[in-house]
């Protein structure tokens, strides 16, 4: 009997331990539901909203004027001008590898020429959106450039404005703030350019107005505010531009031009014929 009692006691002790272990393993009393969900959701807005009103396209420093001329040949050259608000001389951008001019965002004026050419990878001029005046502006041979929107603050060009041979350029809307060109305005060989609506604020051209060989240009409505052309007016070899468009433009001018050459555009008949039509 004593032996049987000891056996029963051992069984009770062992099974009691088993029961406890079982309850732990099943997530019972010692429930490993460590539910550490102590609701640590302290609602920390990870949107740290660092909007300090200084976006990537805003000037955050002012280094004043860069004295002399500067030439951008590589993308790394653009960074050298970061923070400068003006250039006293010429700025030449001849940079086949350049894709981004955003580090020029502080630039408001160029005293000499701004010459942008042979920059095959450049699709826009957005880094120049603070620019208000230049001594002269040449935009030439930039095959990927589709618009001039980056020049939206430009109000005056002291000398020449030439827009030459930009194969993908479809409009001039980025020049909507431009009111005067001090010397020639030449728009030539821009195969995709369909209109000049972006020049709707332009009132005067100091020398020649020269519109030549723009294969898709259909009208001159964008020059509706132009009243003065001091030099000659040359509108030639624009395959789908009716000659009558030139006649309408001539009729609205109150000053100039000194000479007129309208030829090899789309022949048509103006009805009625404007008084100034050659």
Protein backbone atom coordinates (compact mmCIF):
# COMPACT_ATOMS: atom_id res chain seq x y z
CA UNK A 1 0.00 0.00 0.00
CA UNK A 2 2.77 2.38 0.85
CA UNK A 3 4.36 1.67 -2.51
CA UNK A 4 1.05 2.29 -4.30
CA UNK A 5 0.56 5.57 -2.43
CA UNK A 6 4.02 6.79 -3.45
CA UNK A 7 3.30 5.92 -7.08
CA UNK A 8 0.01 7.85 -7.02
CA UNK A 9 1.70 10.88 -5.43
CA UNK A 10 4.41 10.92 -8.07
CA UNK A 11 1.80 10.78 -10.81
CA UNK A 12 -0.09 13.75 -9.32
CA UNK A 13 3.07 15.83 -9.04
CA UNK A 14 4.19 15.02 -12.59
CA UNK A 15 0.76 15.69 -14.12
CA UNK A 16 0.42 18.91 -12.16
CA UNK A 17 3.64 20.12 -13.74
CA UNK A 18 2.44 18.96 -17.15
CA UNK A 19 -0.79 20.89 -16.71
CA UNK A 20 1.13 24.07 -15.91
CA UNK A 21 3.47 23.67 -18.84
CA UNK A 22 0.51 22.95 -21.09
CA UNK A 23 -1.30 26.08 -19.97
CA UNK A 24 1.76 28.20 -20.77
CA UNK A 25 2.25 26.61 -24.15
CA UNK A 26 -1.40 27.24 -25.04
CA UNK A 27 -1.15 30.92 -24.22
CA UNK A 28 -2.93 30.45 -20.91
CA UNK A 29 -1.98 31.96 -17.58
CA UNK A 30 1.45 33.06 -18.72
CA UNK A 31 -0.04 33.99 -22.04
CA UNK A 32 2.84 34.85 -24.24
CA UNK A 33 0.46 37.43 -25.60
CA UNK A 34 3.08 39.85 -24.68
CA UNK A 35 0.59 42.24 -26.13
CA UNK A 36 3.17 44.87 -26.02
CA UNK A 37 0.52 46.90 -27.70
CA UNK A 38 0.89 49.38 -24.94
CA UNK A 39 -0.65 51.57 -27.58
CA UNK A 40 2.68 53.10 -28.28
CA UNK A 41 0.92 54.85 -31.12
CA UNK A 42 2.11 58.19 -29.90
CA UNK A 43 0.70 59.49 -33.16
CA UNK A 44 4.05 60.86 -34.24
CA UNK A 45 3.29 62.44 -37.58
CA UNK A 46 6.05 60.98 -39.68
CA UNK A 47 5.00 63.54 -42.22
CA UNK A 48 7.39 65.87 -40.53
CA UNK A 49 6.04 68.46 -42.91
CA UNK A 50 9.35 70.09 -43.52
CA UNK A 51 7.58 72.51 -45.79
CA UNK A 52 9.54 75.53 -44.75
CA UNK A 53 8.42 77.38 -47.86
CA UNK A 54 11.76 76.73 -49.51
CA UNK A 55 11.04 74.19 -52.20
CA UNK A 56 13.61 72.84 -54.62
CA UNK A 57 12.82 75.63 -57.08
CA UNK A 58 13.32 78.51 -54.69
CA UNK A 59 16.45 80.57 -54.03
CA UNK A 60 17.79 80.00 -50.52
CA UNK A 61 20.95 82.12 -50.63
CA UNK A 62 22.22 85.35 -52.17
CA UNK A 63 25.83 85.52 -53.30
CA UNK A 64 25.25 88.71 -55.26
CA UNK A 65 26.87 89.30 -58.64
CA UNK A 66 29.26 86.99 -60.45
CA UNK A 67 31.77 89.33 -62.10
CA UNK A 68 32.75 88.58 -65.69
CA UNK A 69 31.78 85.86 -68.16
CA UNK A 70 30.98 82.23 -67.34
CA UNK A 71 30.72 79.14 -69.53
CA UNK A 72 28.86 75.96 -68.61
CA UNK A 73 30.32 72.95 -70.42
CA UNK A 74 29.52 70.18 -67.91
CA UNK A 75 26.69 69.52 -65.47
CA UNK A 76 29.09 70.14 -62.57
CA UNK A 77 29.67 73.71 -63.81
CA UNK A 78 26.06 74.62 -63.03
CA UNK A 79 26.67 74.20 -59.29
CA UNK A 80 29.43 76.82 -59.35
CA UNK A 81 26.82 79.50 -60.06
CA UNK A 82 24.42 78.34 -57.34
CA UNK A 83 23.37 81.33 -55.22
CA UNK A 84 24.49 84.06 -57.61
CA UNK A 85 21.72 86.52 -58.44
CA UNK A 86 23.37 88.19 -61.44
CA UNK A 87 26.22 87.85 -63.92
CA UNK A 88 27.91 91.00 -65.15
CA UNK A 89 29.14 89.49 -68.42
CA UNK A 90 28.04 86.69 -70.76
CA UNK A 91 26.67 83.31 -69.74
CA UNK A 92 27.26 80.57 -72.30
CA UNK A 93 25.62 77.19 -71.84
CA UNK A 94 27.13 74.75 -74.32
CA UNK A 95 26.69 71.50 -72.46
CA UNK A 96 25.74 68.28 -74.31
CA UNK A 97 25.46 66.35 -71.02
CA UNK A 98 23.41 68.91 -69.05
CA UNK A 99 19.88 67.90 -68.09
CA UNK A 100 19.19 70.20 -65.13
CA UNK A 101 19.69 73.96 -64.65
CA UNK A 102 17.85 74.15 -61.31
CA UNK A 103 20.93 75.41 -59.44
CA UNK A 104 20.63 78.68 -61.38
CA UNK A 105 17.36 79.43 -59.59
CA UNK A 106 18.73 82.59 -57.91
CA UNK A 107 19.76 84.21 -61.19
CA UNK A 108 17.70 87.29 -62.03
CA UNK A 109 19.84 89.05 -64.65
CA UNK A 110 22.63 88.55 -67.16
CA UNK A 111 24.35 91.75 -68.22
CA UNK A 112 25.72 90.37 -71.48
CA UNK A 113 24.58 87.53 -73.70
CA UNK A 114 22.80 84.46 -72.49
CA UNK A 115 23.69 81.93 -75.16
CA UNK A 116 22.18 78.44 -74.83
CA UNK A 117 23.17 76.11 -77.65
CA UNK A 118 24.29 72.59 -78.56
CA UNK A 119 22.92 71.20 -75.30
CA UNK A 120 21.31 68.09 -76.75
CA UNK A 121 19.97 66.57 -73.50
CA UNK A 122 18.32 69.73 -72.19
CA UNK A 123 14.52 69.39 -72.29
CA UNK A 124 13.60 72.57 -70.39
CA UNK A 125 14.99 75.83 -69.00
CA UNK A 126 13.22 75.63 -65.64
CA UNK A 127 16.27 76.67 -63.63
CA UNK A 128 16.03 80.15 -65.19
CA UNK A 129 12.58 80.90 -63.81
CA UNK A 130 13.78 83.92 -61.76
CA UNK A 131 15.48 85.59 -64.73
CA UNK A 132 13.93 88.98 -65.58
CA UNK A 133 16.43 90.63 -67.93
CA UNK A 134 19.31 89.78 -70.25
CA UNK A 135 21.54 91.77 -72.55
CA UNK A 136 20.79 89.40 -75.42
CA UNK A 137 19.33 85.90 -75.67
CA UNK A 138 20.24 83.11 -78.07
CA UNK A 139 18.50 79.73 -77.90
CA UNK A 140 19.94 77.61 -80.64
CA UNK A 141 20.23 73.97 -81.72
CA UNK A 142 18.69 72.34 -78.62
CA UNK A 143 17.02 69.30 -80.16
CA UNK A 144 15.18 68.04 -77.05
CA UNK A 145 13.84 71.41 -75.88
CA UNK A 146 10.04 71.35 -76.06
CA UNK A 147 9.13 74.65 -74.36
CA UNK A 148 10.49 77.92 -72.98
CA UNK A 149 8.44 77.84 -69.77
CA UNK A 150 11.56 78.36 -67.66
CA UNK A 151 11.76 81.94 -68.97
CA UNK A 152 8.35 82.97 -67.64
CA UNK A 153 9.73 85.91 -65.60
CA UNK A 154 11.72 87.44 -68.47
CA UNK A 155 10.40 90.95 -69.24
CA UNK A 156 13.12 92.50 -71.41
CA UNK A 157 15.92 91.60 -73.79
CA UNK A 158 18.26 94.55 -74.29
CA UNK A 159 19.63 93.38 -77.64
CA UNK A 160 19.01 90.41 -79.89
CA UNK A 161 16.57 87.58 -79.27
CA UNK A 162 17.30 84.65 -81.57
CA UNK A 163 15.41 81.36 -81.44
CA UNK A 164 17.08 79.11 -83.99
CA UNK A 165 16.88 75.48 -85.02
CA UNK A 166 15.17 73.91 -81.99
CA UNK A 167 13.58 70.85 -83.55
CA UNK A 168 11.14 69.90 -80.77
CA UNK A 169 10.04 73.40 -79.71
CA UNK A 170 6.26 73.64 -80.14
CA UNK A 171 5.45 77.03 -78.63
CA UNK A 172 6.85 80.23 -77.12
CA UNK A 173 4.47 80.35 -74.14
CA UNK A 174 7.33 80.79 -71.69
CA UNK A 175 7.96 84.29 -73.07
CA UNK A 176 4.55 85.61 -72.03
CA UNK A 177 6.05 88.35 -69.80
CA UNK A 178 8.36 89.73 -72.48
CA UNK A 179 7.43 93.28 -73.52
CA UNK A 180 10.44 94.50 -75.52
CA UNK A 181 13.36 93.34 -77.62
CA UNK A 182 16.05 96.00 -78.12
CA UNK A 183 17.46 94.70 -81.41
CA UNK A 184 16.48 91.86 -83.77
CA UNK A 185 13.86 89.25 -83.02
CA UNK A 186 14.71 86.25 -85.18
CA UNK A 187 12.65 83.07 -85.13
CA UNK A 188 14.14 80.63 -87.58
CA UNK A 189 14.03 76.94 -88.49
CA UNK A 190 12.01 75.65 -85.56
CA UNK A 191 10.33 72.73 -87.30
CA UNK A 192 7.65 71.95 -84.68
CA UNK A 193 6.68 75.54 -83.78
CA UNK A 194 3.00 76.05 -84.55
CA UNK A 195 2.30 79.51 -83.10
CA UNK A 196 3.82 82.56 -81.40
CA UNK A 197 1.12 82.98 -78.75
CA UNK A 198 3.72 83.30 -76.00
CA UNK A 199 4.76 86.68 -77.41
CA UNK A 200 1.38 88.25 -76.74
CA UNK A 201 2.85 90.94 -74.42
CA UNK A 202 5.53 92.06 -76.89
CA UNK A 203 5.00 95.66 -78.00
CA UNK A 204 8.27 96.66 -79.70
CA UNK A 205 11.21 95.28 -81.67
CA UNK A 206 14.23 97.58 -81.86
CA UNK A 207 15.52 96.36 -85.25
CA UNK A 208 14.47 93.52 -87.55
CA UNK A 209 11.60 91.14 -87.08
CA UNK A 210 12.70 88.03 -88.93
CA UNK A 211 10.48 84.92 -89.16
CA UNK A 212 12.02 82.35 -91.47
CA UNK A 213 11.55 78.67 -92.38
CA UNK A 214 9.31 77.52 -89.52
CA UNK A 215 7.63 74.60 -91.26
CA UNK A 216 4.65 74.18 -88.89
CA UNK A 217 3.89 77.85 -88.11
CA UNK A 218 0.29 78.58 -89.10
CA UNK A 219 -0.39 82.09 -87.77
CA UNK A 220 1.07 85.25 -86.21
CA UNK A 221 -1.75 85.85 -83.72
CA UNK A 222 0.73 85.92 -80.85
CA UNK A 223 2.12 89.23 -82.14
CA UNK A 224 -1.20 91.01 -81.68
CA UNK A 225 0.25 93.58 -79.19
CA UNK A 226 3.21 94.48 -81.43
CA UNK A 227 2.98 98.08 -82.62
CA UNK A 228 6.59 99.01 -83.42
CA UNK A 229 9.25 97.41 -85.62
CA UNK A 230 12.07 99.89 -86.04
CA UNK A 231 13.98 97.98 -88.71
CA UNK A 232 12.89 95.61 -91.48
CA UNK A 233 10.12 93.03 -91.49
CA UNK A 234 11.09 89.72 -93.10
CA UNK A 235 8.62 86.83 -93.19
CA UNK A 236 9.87 84.16 -95.54
CA UNK A 237 9.72 80.43 -96.38
CA UNK A 238 7.13 79.43 -93.77
CA UNK A 239 5.37 76.63 -95.65
CA UNK A 240 1.93 76.74 -93.95
CA UNK A 241 1.86 80.40 -92.91
CA UNK A 242 -0.48 82.37 -95.16
CA UNK A 243 0.96 85.56 -96.60
CA UNK A 244 -2.19 87.25 -95.36
CA UNK A 245 -0.93 86.83 -91.78
CA UNK A 246 1.95 89.16 -92.61
CA UNK A 247 -0.48 91.63 -94.12
CA UNK A 248 -2.56 91.72 -90.95
CA UNK A 249 0.57 92.28 -88.88
CA UNK A 250 1.67 95.14 -91.11
CA UNK A 251 -1.72 96.77 -90.77
CA UNK A 252 -1.51 96.89 -86.97
CA UNK A 253 1.96 98.49 -86.78
CA UNK A 254 1.99 102.17 -85.92
CA UNK A 255 5.77 102.57 -86.24
CA UNK A 256 7.96 101.09 -88.98
CA UNK A 257 9.08 98.94 -90.57
CA UNK A 258 11.71 100.52 -92.79
CA UNK A 259 11.61 97.65 -95.30
CA UNK A 260 9.35 94.68 -96.00
CA UNK A 261 10.07 91.28 -97.51
CA UNK A 262 7.24 88.74 -97.46
CA UNK A 263 7.74 85.77 -99.78
CA UNK A 264 7.69 81.99 -100.23
CA UNK A 265 5.05 81.42 -97.56
CA UNK A 266 1.66 79.82 -98.18
CA UNK A 267 0.01 81.77 -101.02
CA UNK A 268 -3.48 82.98 -100.25
CA UNK A 269 -5.79 85.88 -100.87
CA UNK A 270 -6.45 88.43 -98.13
CA UNK A 271 -10.07 89.53 -98.00
CA UNK A 272 -10.21 92.40 -97.52
CA UNK A 273 -6.63 93.28 -98.36
CA UNK A 274 -5.08 95.26 -95.45
CA UNK A 275 -3.94 98.75 -96.41
CA UNK A 276 -0.31 97.98 -95.56
CA UNK A 277 -0.13 94.72 -97.50
CA UNK A 278 2.62 94.75 -100.12
